[in-house]
Each structure stands twice: as structure tokens, then as C-alpha cells.
């Protein structure tokens, strides 16, 4: 039995070895022309593949120069704004249509959409004993980790999990699209019971309800929600469903799928990627930053007071001392993030219904003044706009969704895009991803163990 103090000392020694032997001189990246983070020197992504699934447009190349343009998000060649407008015009929830489009590359007819949505509704329930054995018996403090476990556990409930025919992969993908919201909701309920000491409510999904409606039903003790609440969540699911093949989690799906592994392994890996604070967990940082701003700014409607505190954050004198104003800036979008624009409009509607217009006004001020403060403090002329994370956490809070479910909502949405990318890799890939790493260590003469100090 290892004594805790002894173990701590052992781990400290291991840590010091890693710190001593793993650092790489940053100058070597330039010397060998290595694209750190798969980014070119001008900030664009290194081209590593081709896709027909989605496109993220924030700039255009004109005469070899990057020219910023208003942001556009495109699914299978269609502007996502048109998809949303059509669903709203017909008083429909749009996420299921969005998933159909991403998976199969075509807009469905009403009959095709109804059949697809009904199929998803019918299979949203988890397999017999799954909830008890895989969720309630092994609760997790982190819902993303719980979801990843649920995905891997699904392998054991699949009669033919290693069948990598396209038809079977599509079947597995649609099942996961249907069940991700149930995984998250039940994982949250188990967490409430075992870690928070609160009551656990396990409601059955209703097949006639949309993904957004079912999720709100499953996380609430009374199963009730308003039409506007479901519409707002549906919008959030649509705009988070896909974001081009270059984002970290979608790239993960391509990389893992290219190794010719099973669907569950590739999707669990994607969840691990999305969980990170530099990816799907970013909206939590926005909400935490807003907590501090609201606690320290007396007049939320004062542009002067808000600007002064944002300047402190940018100067590393407040919040997490990183100098980052979370919710601002994006790798591709510079003039505008189309997702932010769409979500902000719904956030305003919801804020009116919930009596949160003062808080909405605070977010609006931050959106207007933060870009100038960032450029001034960091001496940069780079265009900066608000990104979707600025308003997503605010929206989820108004929906009374607990913070531990913010990133899982992202996964519930993005499973559609991930599935589309896995199918695309299986159909069009054919080669395992095998990038090169330049070894910058020197070879050393071997020292026999008897001669080592």
C-alpha cells in the first residue's frame, strides 16, 4: 500500500522530469516551418482535407489578400439563416431537418422529414436496463464524461457494433442523434441525486416531441416548458450542429474514423475534444466572467462603467488575469458571427418574457464596446466581433438550464455534424491520417542500467 505522502513525492519527481525533458524551443517552429495548431502564419487553417458538409465564411481571398466579410454559416450549400427562417415560417422545429440535411446532403420533403423525425422520436428511449446499469450505477460529476461513457456503453447494446457498412454506420449515427439528449438529461439527473443531494427525476421521452422539447421535458421536475423556450433551444441546436470540418472535434471524428474503428469510439473521442475549455466549454468562461462583471459594475446600463471594467479584464487586472474578454473574437469570423446574430435576436425575445432586459442590455453594451477596448489595450488593428458564446450561456441561464449542461447541449447538437463527417470519411477518405512530427531531440549513446546514476 503506497502512503499518500510517498505517492505525492513520487508524482512530484515524475512531474519535474516531464517539465525538464518535454519543452520545445518556440524558435524551432519557425525554423522548420511547423504550423502550430495547424494554423498558417496569417491565422488561416492549414488545408488538410475536403468536405461537402459545411462551410464557415468570414473572409475572402482577393489578389492573395484576406478580406473580411460578414460571417456566413453554410450547411450542405445552404445558408443556415434560410433553413431557420423556413422552419419559423412553417411553425416547425428545425433541428431534425438540419440533421437530415447534414447526414444525407439534401433538403427533405415534408413527408421525408416527418418520417425521419418520427423515427428519431421512436428510438429516443434508451435500451432496457441502460439507464439503471450505465447511468445511475456510475454517476459522474461531469456530464460530458458521462455522455462519453454512455456512447461507449452503447457498443455493448448493439447487436452488430463492428459492422462498418455504410448502412449500419447510418443506423448507429441516427440512434446516437436521437439519444444524446437522453444521455445528457439522465446523466444530469443522476448527478443531482448522488452529488448534489437533490431529487432525481427520470421522465420518459415523448416520441412526438422534438429534440429541444424533449430535452427541456427531461431536465425539469414538472416536465413543463413554454413554446418560446423550446423555439430558442431549437435555434441553439441548429446553429451549433456543424461548423466546418476544421474545428477540433470534427477533425477528431475524421482522424479517428480514418483508422477504421467503430462509430462509438469515434464519437466518444469527439466528446472528449468538445469538452475542452478551448472548444465547447468556452461558454462557461463567458458566464463566469459575466458573474464577476455583474458583481462589480453597479450600473449595468452605464457604458462608461462597463467599459472601465472590461478594460481591467483586458489589462489582466480582473477576472482570470488572462487578458481575454470571453465571448469576443473568432478564428474565422471578424466582422460578424452569424450564429451570434441569430441567437441574440432570440435572446432579446426571451429576455422580454423572463424580465431580464437589464441583463440583456449589459450584454449588448459589452458587444459594442469590447472590440475597441481589445484593439486599444493589445495594440492590435485586427477586427474583432462577438461570437456565439457571448449569448449562448445567457440564453441557457434564462431557460433555467444548469451550467453543467451548457457544453452537453453543444454535444447534443453537434452529434449531427459529427455523424455527417464520419459518413463522409468512410465514403471518401480511404487513408489513415498520418501527419508528420519533426523530431528535435539529439540521439544519445545508450547507458547500461548498471552505469546509471
Protein backbone atom coordinates (compact mmCIF):
# COMPACT_ATOMS: atom_id res chain seq x y z
CA UNK A 1 0.00 0.00 0.00
CA UNK A 2 1.54 3.31 -1.09
CA UNK A 3 1.44 6.01 1.56
CA UNK A 4 -0.28 9.18 0.24
CA UNK A 5 2.72 11.35 1.14
CA UNK A 6 5.09 8.94 -0.59
CA UNK A 7 2.86 8.90 -3.67
CA UNK A 8 2.82 12.70 -3.71
CA UNK A 9 6.62 12.82 -3.65
CA UNK A 10 6.84 10.24 -6.43
CA UNK A 11 4.45 12.23 -8.60
CA UNK A 12 6.38 15.45 -7.96
CA UNK A 13 9.55 13.77 -9.23
CA UNK A 14 7.72 12.49 -12.32
CA UNK A 15 6.38 15.98 -12.92
CA UNK A 16 9.82 17.58 -12.66
CA UNK A 17 11.17 15.09 -15.22
CA UNK A 18 8.40 15.97 -17.66
CA UNK A 19 8.94 19.70 -17.15
CA UNK A 20 12.67 19.28 -17.75
CA UNK A 21 12.55 16.97 -20.77
CA UNK A 22 9.42 17.97 -22.74
CA UNK A 23 9.68 21.72 -23.53
CA UNK A 24 10.44 22.66 -27.13
CA UNK A 25 12.14 25.91 -28.11
CA UNK A 26 9.47 28.06 -29.83
CA UNK A 27 12.05 29.26 -32.38
CA UNK A 28 12.22 25.74 -33.80
CA UNK A 29 8.65 26.01 -35.08
CA UNK A 30 9.72 28.86 -37.34
CA UNK A 31 12.98 27.19 -38.29
CA UNK A 32 11.23 24.06 -39.58
CA UNK A 33 8.12 25.91 -40.82
CA UNK A 34 5.83 23.96 -38.50
CA UNK A 35 2.22 25.13 -38.47
CA UNK A 36 1.43 25.26 -34.74
CA UNK A 37 -2.14 24.22 -34.09
CA UNK A 38 -2.47 23.52 -37.82
CA UNK A 39 -2.58 27.29 -38.37
CA UNK A 40 -0.84 29.25 -41.10
CA UNK A 41 1.08 32.40 -40.21
CA UNK A 42 -1.87 34.57 -41.30
CA UNK A 43 -4.23 32.73 -38.95
CA UNK A 44 -5.98 30.62 -41.57
CA UNK A 45 -6.24 26.88 -41.06
CA UNK A 46 -3.84 24.51 -42.79
CA UNK A 47 -5.77 22.75 -45.55
CA UNK A 48 -5.88 19.07 -44.57
CA UNK A 49 -8.98 17.79 -46.32
CA UNK A 50 -12.03 18.41 -48.47
CA UNK A 51 -15.65 18.40 -47.36
CA UNK A 52 -19.13 18.91 -48.78
CA UNK A 53 -20.83 19.15 -45.39
CA UNK A 54 -20.41 22.69 -44.12
CA UNK A 55 -18.61 25.97 -44.65
CA UNK A 56 -17.64 28.80 -42.34
CA UNK A 57 -17.13 32.06 -44.21
CA UNK A 58 -15.54 35.04 -42.50
CA UNK A 59 -13.20 36.31 -45.17
CA UNK A 60 -12.47 36.05 -48.85
CA UNK A 61 -9.11 35.90 -50.63
CA UNK A 62 -8.76 38.75 -53.14
CA UNK A 63 -5.49 39.12 -55.06
CA UNK A 64 -3.79 36.98 -52.45
CA UNK A 65 -5.06 39.08 -49.53
CA UNK A 66 -7.55 38.19 -46.82
CA UNK A 67 -10.57 40.49 -46.95
CA UNK A 68 -13.04 40.35 -44.05
CA UNK A 69 -16.70 39.84 -44.95
CA UNK A 70 -19.86 39.44 -42.83
CA UNK A 71 -19.91 35.90 -41.47
CA UNK A 72 -21.92 33.14 -43.13
CA UNK A 73 -22.60 29.60 -41.92
CA UNK A 74 -23.44 27.15 -44.68
CA UNK A 75 -24.83 23.62 -44.35
CA UNK A 76 -24.55 21.47 -47.49
CA UNK A 77 -24.54 24.60 -49.65
CA UNK A 78 -27.50 26.26 -47.91
CA UNK A 79 -27.22 29.35 -45.74
CA UNK A 80 -28.31 28.33 -42.25
CA UNK A 81 -30.29 31.55 -41.93
CA UNK A 82 -32.60 30.36 -44.72
CA UNK A 83 -33.05 26.99 -43.01
CA UNK A 84 -34.09 28.72 -39.78
CA UNK A 85 -36.36 31.25 -41.49
CA UNK A 86 -38.21 28.49 -43.38
CA UNK A 87 -38.75 26.44 -40.20
CA UNK A 88 -40.09 29.50 -38.36
CA UNK A 89 -42.36 30.43 -41.29
CA UNK A 90 -43.91 26.96 -41.16
CA UNK A 91 -44.06 26.90 -37.34
CA UNK A 92 -41.76 23.88 -37.18
CA UNK A 93 -38.79 22.89 -35.08
CA UNK A 94 -35.76 22.90 -37.36
CA UNK A 95 -33.10 20.73 -35.73
CA UNK A 96 -34.40 17.43 -37.13
CA UNK A 97 -34.49 18.90 -40.66
CA UNK A 98 -30.97 20.23 -40.07
CA UNK A 99 -29.77 16.75 -39.05
CA UNK A 100 -31.37 15.20 -42.14
CA UNK A 101 -29.67 17.76 -44.40
CA UNK A 102 -26.25 17.27 -42.81
CA UNK A 103 -26.44 13.48 -42.91
CA UNK A 104 -27.83 12.97 -46.40
CA UNK A 105 -26.91 16.15 -48.27
CA UNK A 106 -30.42 17.08 -49.40
CA UNK A 107 -33.33 19.07 -48.01
CA UNK A 108 -36.14 16.67 -47.11
CA UNK A 109 -39.69 16.89 -48.38
CA UNK A 110 -42.33 17.26 -45.67
CA UNK A 111 -43.07 13.53 -45.93
CA UNK A 112 -39.39 12.61 -45.65
CA UNK A 113 -38.93 14.97 -42.71
CA UNK A 114 -41.97 13.59 -40.88
CA UNK A 115 -40.73 10.02 -41.36
CA UNK A 116 -37.23 10.92 -40.15
CA UNK A 117 -38.48 12.90 -37.13
CA UNK A 118 -40.88 10.09 -36.18
CA UNK A 119 -38.05 7.55 -36.40
CA UNK A 120 -35.84 9.68 -34.14
CA UNK A 121 -38.71 10.06 -31.68
CA UNK A 122 -39.35 6.32 -31.56
CA UNK A 123 -35.72 5.42 -30.77
CA UNK A 124 -35.01 8.21 -28.27
CA UNK A 125 -35.68 5.85 -25.35
CA UNK A 126 -32.58 4.04 -24.10
CA UNK A 127 -32.27 0.24 -24.30
CA UNK A 128 -33.71 -1.85 -21.42
CA UNK A 129 -31.64 -1.57 -18.19
CA UNK A 130 -29.28 1.00 -19.80
CA UNK A 131 -30.39 3.85 -17.52
CA UNK A 132 -30.06 1.80 -14.36
CA UNK A 133 -26.83 -0.03 -15.23
CA UNK A 134 -24.87 2.52 -17.25
CA UNK A 135 -26.03 5.87 -15.83
CA UNK A 136 -27.47 5.53 -12.33
CA UNK A 137 -24.94 2.95 -11.08
CA UNK A 138 -21.96 5.01 -12.19
CA UNK A 139 -22.88 8.71 -11.89
CA UNK A 140 -20.36 11.37 -12.83
CA UNK A 141 -19.77 14.91 -11.65
CA UNK A 142 -19.09 15.86 -15.27
CA UNK A 143 -21.94 15.26 -17.74
CA UNK A 144 -19.65 15.27 -20.79
CA UNK A 145 -17.67 12.37 -19.34
CA UNK A 146 -20.95 10.64 -18.55
CA UNK A 147 -22.09 11.09 -22.15
CA UNK A 148 -18.82 9.66 -23.47
CA UNK A 149 -19.30 6.63 -21.23
CA UNK A 150 -22.86 6.25 -22.47
CA UNK A 151 -21.64 6.30 -26.06
CA UNK A 152 -19.00 3.63 -25.39
CA UNK A 153 -21.51 1.57 -23.41
CA UNK A 154 -23.87 1.67 -26.40
CA UNK A 155 -21.38 -0.60 -28.16
CA UNK A 156 -22.36 -3.39 -25.76
CA UNK A 157 -26.06 -2.92 -26.52
CA UNK A 158 -25.53 -3.03 -30.29
CA UNK A 159 -26.04 -6.47 -31.86
CA UNK A 160 -23.56 -5.71 -34.64
CA UNK A 161 -21.26 -2.91 -33.40
CA UNK A 162 -18.26 -3.75 -35.60
CA UNK A 163 -20.25 -3.77 -38.82
CA UNK A 164 -18.78 -0.83 -40.69
CA UNK A 165 -21.02 -1.00 -43.71
CA UNK A 166 -22.40 2.41 -44.61
CA UNK A 167 -25.98 1.40 -43.82
CA UNK A 168 -25.05 0.24 -40.34
CA UNK A 169 -23.00 3.37 -39.65
CA UNK A 170 -26.00 5.49 -40.64
CA UNK A 171 -28.22 3.42 -38.31
CA UNK A 172 -25.77 3.87 -35.42
CA UNK A 173 -25.44 7.60 -36.14
CA UNK A 174 -29.17 8.25 -36.19
CA UNK A 175 -29.58 6.32 -32.92
CA UNK A 176 -26.94 8.50 -31.28
CA UNK A 177 -28.53 11.67 -32.64
CA UNK A 178 -31.80 10.53 -31.08
CA UNK A 179 -30.31 9.50 -27.74
CA UNK A 180 -27.71 12.17 -26.98
CA UNK A 181 -30.31 14.41 -25.32
CA UNK A 182 -31.47 11.49 -23.18
CA UNK A 183 -27.88 10.62 -22.20
CA UNK A 184 -27.30 14.21 -21.08
CA UNK A 185 -30.60 14.62 -19.23
CA UNK A 186 -30.38 11.32 -17.36
CA UNK A 187 -26.68 11.89 -16.60
CA UNK A 188 -27.63 15.23 -15.10
CA UNK A 189 -30.42 13.69 -13.02
CA UNK A 190 -28.03 11.07 -11.63
CA UNK A 191 -25.52 13.80 -10.81
CA UNK A 192 -28.23 15.73 -8.94
CA UNK A 193 -29.09 12.69 -6.87
CA UNK A 194 -25.63 11.41 -6.00
CA UNK A 195 -23.50 14.56 -5.87
CA UNK A 196 -25.91 17.42 -5.15
CA UNK A 197 -28.22 15.62 -2.72
CA UNK A 198 -31.29 16.65 -4.69
CA UNK A 199 -34.22 14.73 -6.10
CA UNK A 200 -33.76 12.75 -9.31
CA UNK A 201 -36.49 12.77 -11.95
CA UNK A 202 -36.37 10.18 -14.72
CA UNK A 203 -39.09 11.06 -17.21
CA UNK A 204 -39.68 9.11 -20.40
CA UNK A 205 -39.13 10.95 -23.69
CA UNK A 206 -42.25 11.50 -25.77
CA UNK A 207 -41.81 10.38 -29.40
CA UNK A 208 -43.98 13.15 -30.82
CA UNK A 209 -41.78 15.89 -29.34
CA UNK A 210 -38.75 17.49 -30.95
CA UNK A 211 -35.22 17.17 -29.57
CA UNK A 212 -35.48 20.61 -27.95
CA UNK A 213 -38.86 19.90 -26.39
CA UNK A 214 -37.82 16.50 -25.07
CA UNK A 215 -34.64 17.85 -23.51
CA UNK A 216 -36.50 20.56 -21.59
CA UNK A 217 -39.08 17.96 -20.53
CA UNK A 218 -36.42 15.55 -19.23
CA UNK A 219 -34.41 18.03 -17.14
CA UNK A 220 -37.39 19.64 -15.40
CA UNK A 221 -39.21 18.11 -12.46
CA UNK A 222 -42.61 19.28 -13.75
CA UNK A 223 -41.83 18.44 -17.40
CA UNK A 224 -43.22 21.85 -18.45
CA UNK A 225 -41.83 24.43 -20.90
CA UNK A 226 -43.16 27.30 -22.99
CA UNK A 227 -43.31 27.38 -26.77
CA UNK A 228 -40.75 30.20 -26.87
CA UNK A 229 -38.35 28.30 -24.60
CA UNK A 230 -38.43 25.29 -26.94
CA UNK A 231 -38.04 27.51 -30.01
CA UNK A 232 -34.99 29.24 -28.56
CA UNK A 233 -33.33 25.94 -27.65
CA UNK A 234 -34.14 24.54 -31.10
CA UNK A 235 -32.39 27.54 -32.67
CA UNK A 236 -29.34 26.95 -30.47
CA UNK A 237 -29.23 23.31 -31.59
CA UNK A 238 -29.40 24.30 -35.27
CA UNK A 239 -26.60 26.86 -35.16
CA UNK A 240 -24.29 24.55 -33.20
CA UNK A 241 -24.91 21.44 -35.32
CA UNK A 242 -21.98 21.95 -37.70
CA UNK A 243 -19.13 24.41 -38.17
CA UNK A 244 -16.94 23.22 -40.99
CA UNK A 245 -14.58 20.27 -40.92
CA UNK A 246 -11.72 22.25 -39.41
CA UNK A 247 -12.99 22.58 -35.86
CA UNK A 248 -11.22 20.41 -33.32
CA UNK A 249 -13.96 17.88 -32.57
CA UNK A 250 -14.97 17.35 -36.22
CA UNK A 251 -11.32 16.88 -37.13
CA UNK A 252 -11.15 14.33 -34.30
CA UNK A 253 -14.01 12.40 -35.92
CA UNK A 254 -12.16 12.34 -39.24
CA UNK A 255 -8.86 11.28 -37.66
CA UNK A 256 -10.32 8.50 -35.52
CA UNK A 257 -12.67 7.28 -38.26
CA UNK A 258 -9.79 7.13 -40.73
CA UNK A 259 -8.21 4.42 -38.55
CA UNK A 260 -11.20 2.19 -39.47
CA UNK A 261 -12.62 1.97 -35.96
CA UNK A 262 -16.23 1.73 -34.81
CA UNK A 263 -18.77 4.54 -34.62
CA UNK A 264 -18.90 4.61 -30.83
CA UNK A 265 -15.14 5.06 -30.46
CA UNK A 266 -15.06 7.98 -32.89
CA UNK A 267 -17.99 9.78 -31.24
CA UNK A 268 -16.64 9.29 -27.72
CA UNK A 269 -13.36 10.83 -28.89
CA UNK A 270 -15.24 13.81 -30.31
CA UNK A 271 -16.97 14.37 -26.96
CA UNK A 272 -13.57 14.43 -25.27
CA UNK A 273 -12.46 17.13 -27.69
CA UNK A 274 -15.60 19.24 -27.31
CA UNK A 275 -15.39 19.13 -23.52
CA UNK A 276 -12.24 21.27 -23.57
CA UNK A 277 -12.39 24.90 -22.42
CA UNK A 278 -10.78 25.98 -25.70
CA UNK A 279 -13.62 24.40 -27.65
CA UNK A 280 -17.14 23.59 -26.39
CA UNK A 281 -16.50 24.65 -22.81
CA UNK A 282 -15.90 28.29 -23.79
CA UNK A 283 -19.43 29.48 -22.98
CA UNK A 284 -18.88 28.57 -19.32
CA UNK A 285 -15.99 31.05 -19.21
CA UNK A 286 -18.28 33.78 -20.57
CA UNK A 287 -20.87 33.15 -17.84
CA UNK A 288 -18.19 33.12 -15.13
CA UNK A 289 -16.78 36.40 -16.48
CA UNK A 290 -20.28 37.88 -16.52
CA UNK A 291 -20.78 36.88 -12.88
CA UNK A 292 -17.77 39.00 -11.97
CA UNK A 293 -18.82 41.93 -14.13
CA UNK A 294 -22.33 41.95 -12.66
CA UNK A 295 -20.88 41.84 -9.15
CA UNK A 296 -18.50 44.74 -9.74
CA UNK A 297 -20.39 47.06 -12.08
CA UNK A 298 -23.08 48.93 -10.15
CA UNK A 299 -24.91 50.44 -13.13
CA UNK A 300 -25.33 47.78 -15.84
CA UNK A 301 -26.68 50.40 -18.20
CA UNK A 302 -23.64 52.67 -17.91
CA UNK A 303 -21.39 52.27 -20.92
CA UNK A 304 -18.66 54.12 -19.03
CA UNK A 305 -18.71 51.78 -16.02
CA UNK A 306 -18.91 48.64 -18.16
CA UNK A 307 -16.07 49.83 -20.38
CA UNK A 308 -13.87 50.58 -17.37
CA UNK A 309 -14.27 47.06 -16.03
CA UNK A 310 -13.74 45.44 -19.42
CA UNK A 311 -10.52 47.42 -19.71
CA UNK A 312 -9.39 45.97 -16.38
CA UNK A 313 -10.09 42.48 -17.71
CA UNK A 314 -8.19 43.19 -20.95
CA UNK A 315 -5.26 44.57 -18.94
CA UNK A 316 -5.13 41.34 -16.89
CA UNK A 317 -6.18 43.18 -13.73
CA UNK A 318 -9.51 41.39 -13.30
CA UNK A 319 -11.32 38.06 -13.72
CA UNK A 320 -8.82 35.29 -14.60
CA UNK A 321 -5.93 37.66 -15.43
CA UNK A 322 -5.57 36.16 -18.91
CA UNK A 323 -6.33 39.44 -20.68
CA UNK A 324 -9.13 37.73 -22.61
CA UNK A 325 -12.65 39.11 -22.84
CA UNK A 326 -14.55 35.89 -23.35
CA UNK A 327 -17.26 35.82 -25.98
CA UNK A 328 -15.25 38.14 -28.21
CA UNK A 329 -13.21 37.12 -31.25
CA UNK A 330 -13.18 34.10 -33.51
CA UNK A 331 -10.63 32.24 -35.63
CA UNK A 332 -12.63 32.80 -38.84
CA UNK A 333 -15.31 35.42 -38.25
CA UNK A 334 -14.12 39.03 -37.98
CA UNK A 335 -16.97 41.37 -38.95
CA UNK A 336 -19.78 39.23 -37.56
CA UNK A 337 -20.60 35.73 -36.32
CA UNK A 338 -23.92 34.71 -37.96
CA UNK A 339 -24.73 32.38 -35.07
CA UNK A 340 -24.37 35.23 -32.58
CA UNK A 341 -26.68 37.44 -34.63
CA UNK A 342 -29.38 34.76 -34.77
CA UNK A 343 -29.11 33.83 -31.10
CA UNK A 344 -29.06 37.46 -29.94
CA UNK A 345 -32.42 38.11 -31.60
CA UNK A 346 -33.97 35.16 -29.76
CA UNK A 347 -32.19 36.14 -26.54
CA UNK A 348 -33.93 39.51 -26.67
CA UNK A 349 -37.33 37.84 -27.11
CA UNK A 350 -36.67 35.52 -24.21
CA UNK A 351 -35.32 38.34 -22.02
CA UNK A 352 -38.57 40.25 -22.50
CA UNK A 353 -40.58 37.17 -21.47
CA UNK A 354 -38.35 36.45 -18.47
CA UNK A 355 -37.93 40.05 -17.26
CA UNK A 356 -34.19 40.07 -17.98
CA UNK A 357 -33.90 43.13 -20.22
CA UNK A 358 -31.45 44.90 -17.89
CA UNK A 359 -29.08 41.97 -18.19
CA UNK A 360 -29.62 41.81 -21.96
CA UNK A 361 -28.67 45.49 -22.10
CA UNK A 362 -25.42 44.71 -20.29
CA UNK A 363 -24.53 42.06 -22.87
CA UNK A 364 -25.40 44.49 -25.67
CA UNK A 365 -23.04 47.12 -24.24
CA UNK A 366 -20.23 44.57 -23.97
CA UNK A 367 -20.77 43.53 -27.58
CA UNK A 368 -20.49 47.15 -28.73
CA UNK A 369 -17.55 48.38 -26.67
CA UNK A 370 -15.34 45.31 -26.16
CA UNK A 371 -13.83 45.19 -29.70
CA UNK A 372 -12.44 48.71 -29.36
CA UNK A 373 -11.07 48.02 -25.89
CA UNK A 374 -9.36 44.83 -27.08
CA UNK A 375 -7.71 46.62 -30.00
CA UNK A 376 -6.63 49.52 -27.79
CA UNK A 377 -5.22 47.50 -24.90
CA UNK A 378 -3.50 44.90 -27.07
CA UNK A 379 -2.34 47.43 -29.69
CA UNK A 380 -3.93 45.46 -32.49
CA UNK A 381 -5.80 46.54 -35.59
CA UNK A 382 -7.35 43.08 -36.09
CA UNK A 383 -11.14 43.20 -36.44
CA UNK A 384 -12.90 41.52 -33.53
CA UNK A 385 -16.58 40.63 -33.25
CA UNK A 386 -18.75 38.95 -30.66
CA UNK A 387 -19.01 35.19 -31.08
CA UNK A 388 -21.89 32.83 -30.33
CA UNK A 389 -20.59 32.08 -26.83
CA UNK A 390 -21.37 35.63 -25.68
CA UNK A 391 -25.11 34.99 -25.69
CA UNK A 392 -25.42 31.19 -25.50
CA UNK A 393 -24.76 30.94 -21.77
CA UNK A 394 -27.14 33.85 -21.12
CA UNK A 395 -29.85 32.10 -23.13
CA UNK A 396 -29.34 28.79 -21.32
CA UNK A 397 -29.47 30.57 -17.97
CA UNK A 398 -32.80 32.20 -18.89
CA UNK A 399 -34.04 28.70 -19.80
CA UNK A 400 -33.11 27.62 -16.24
CA UNK A 401 -30.65 25.10 -17.65
CA UNK A 402 -27.88 24.40 -15.11
CA UNK A 403 -24.36 25.29 -16.12
CA UNK A 404 -23.12 21.72 -16.08
CA UNK A 405 -25.41 21.13 -19.09
CA UNK A 406 -24.18 24.05 -21.23
CA UNK A 407 -21.45 22.06 -23.01
CA UNK A 408 -23.57 18.87 -23.23
CA UNK A 409 -26.15 20.91 -25.17
CA UNK A 410 -23.37 21.64 -27.66
CA UNK A 411 -22.76 17.89 -27.97
CA UNK A 412 -26.48 17.14 -28.34
CA UNK A 413 -26.44 19.48 -31.32
CA UNK A 414 -23.04 18.67 -32.82
CA UNK A 415 -23.60 14.90 -32.95
CA UNK A 416 -25.43 15.59 -36.24
CA UNK A 417 -22.38 17.27 -37.75
CA UNK A 418 -20.01 14.67 -36.33
CA UNK A 419 -22.10 11.88 -37.82
CA UNK A 420 -22.07 13.57 -41.21
CA UNK A 421 -18.28 13.91 -41.06
CA UNK A 422 -17.86 10.24 -40.08
CA UNK A 423 -20.03 9.15 -43.01
CA UNK A 424 -18.06 11.43 -45.34
CA UNK A 425 -14.75 10.00 -44.11
CA UNK A 426 -15.97 6.43 -44.64
CA UNK A 427 -17.29 7.22 -48.13
CA UNK A 428 -14.50 9.49 -49.40
CA UNK A 429 -11.50 9.14 -47.09
CA UNK A 430 -9.80 5.82 -47.53
CA UNK A 431 -6.48 6.73 -45.93
CA UNK A 432 -5.47 6.92 -42.30
CA UNK A 433 -4.46 10.36 -41.08
CA UNK A 434 -0.73 10.24 -40.54
CA UNK A 435 0.75 13.76 -40.14
CA UNK A 436 4.47 14.25 -39.59
CA UNK A 437 6.22 15.50 -36.47
CA UNK A 438 9.83 16.72 -36.71
CA UNK A 439 11.99 15.18 -34.00
CA UNK A 440 14.18 17.91 -32.50
CA UNK A 441 16.00 15.85 -29.88
CA UNK A 442 19.55 14.58 -30.36
CA UNK A 443 20.45 10.91 -30.43
CA UNK A 444 22.37 9.81 -27.33
CA UNK A 445 24.64 6.85 -26.59
CA UNK A 446 22.85 4.20 -24.56
CA UNK A 447 23.88 3.84 -20.91
CA UNK A 448 23.58 0.34 -19.37
CA UNK A 449 21.43 0.29 -16.24
CA UNK A 450 24.37 -0.69 -14.02
CA UNK A 451 26.19 2.52 -15.02
CA UNK A 452 23.32 4.97 -14.48
CA UNK A 453 23.39 7.38 -11.55
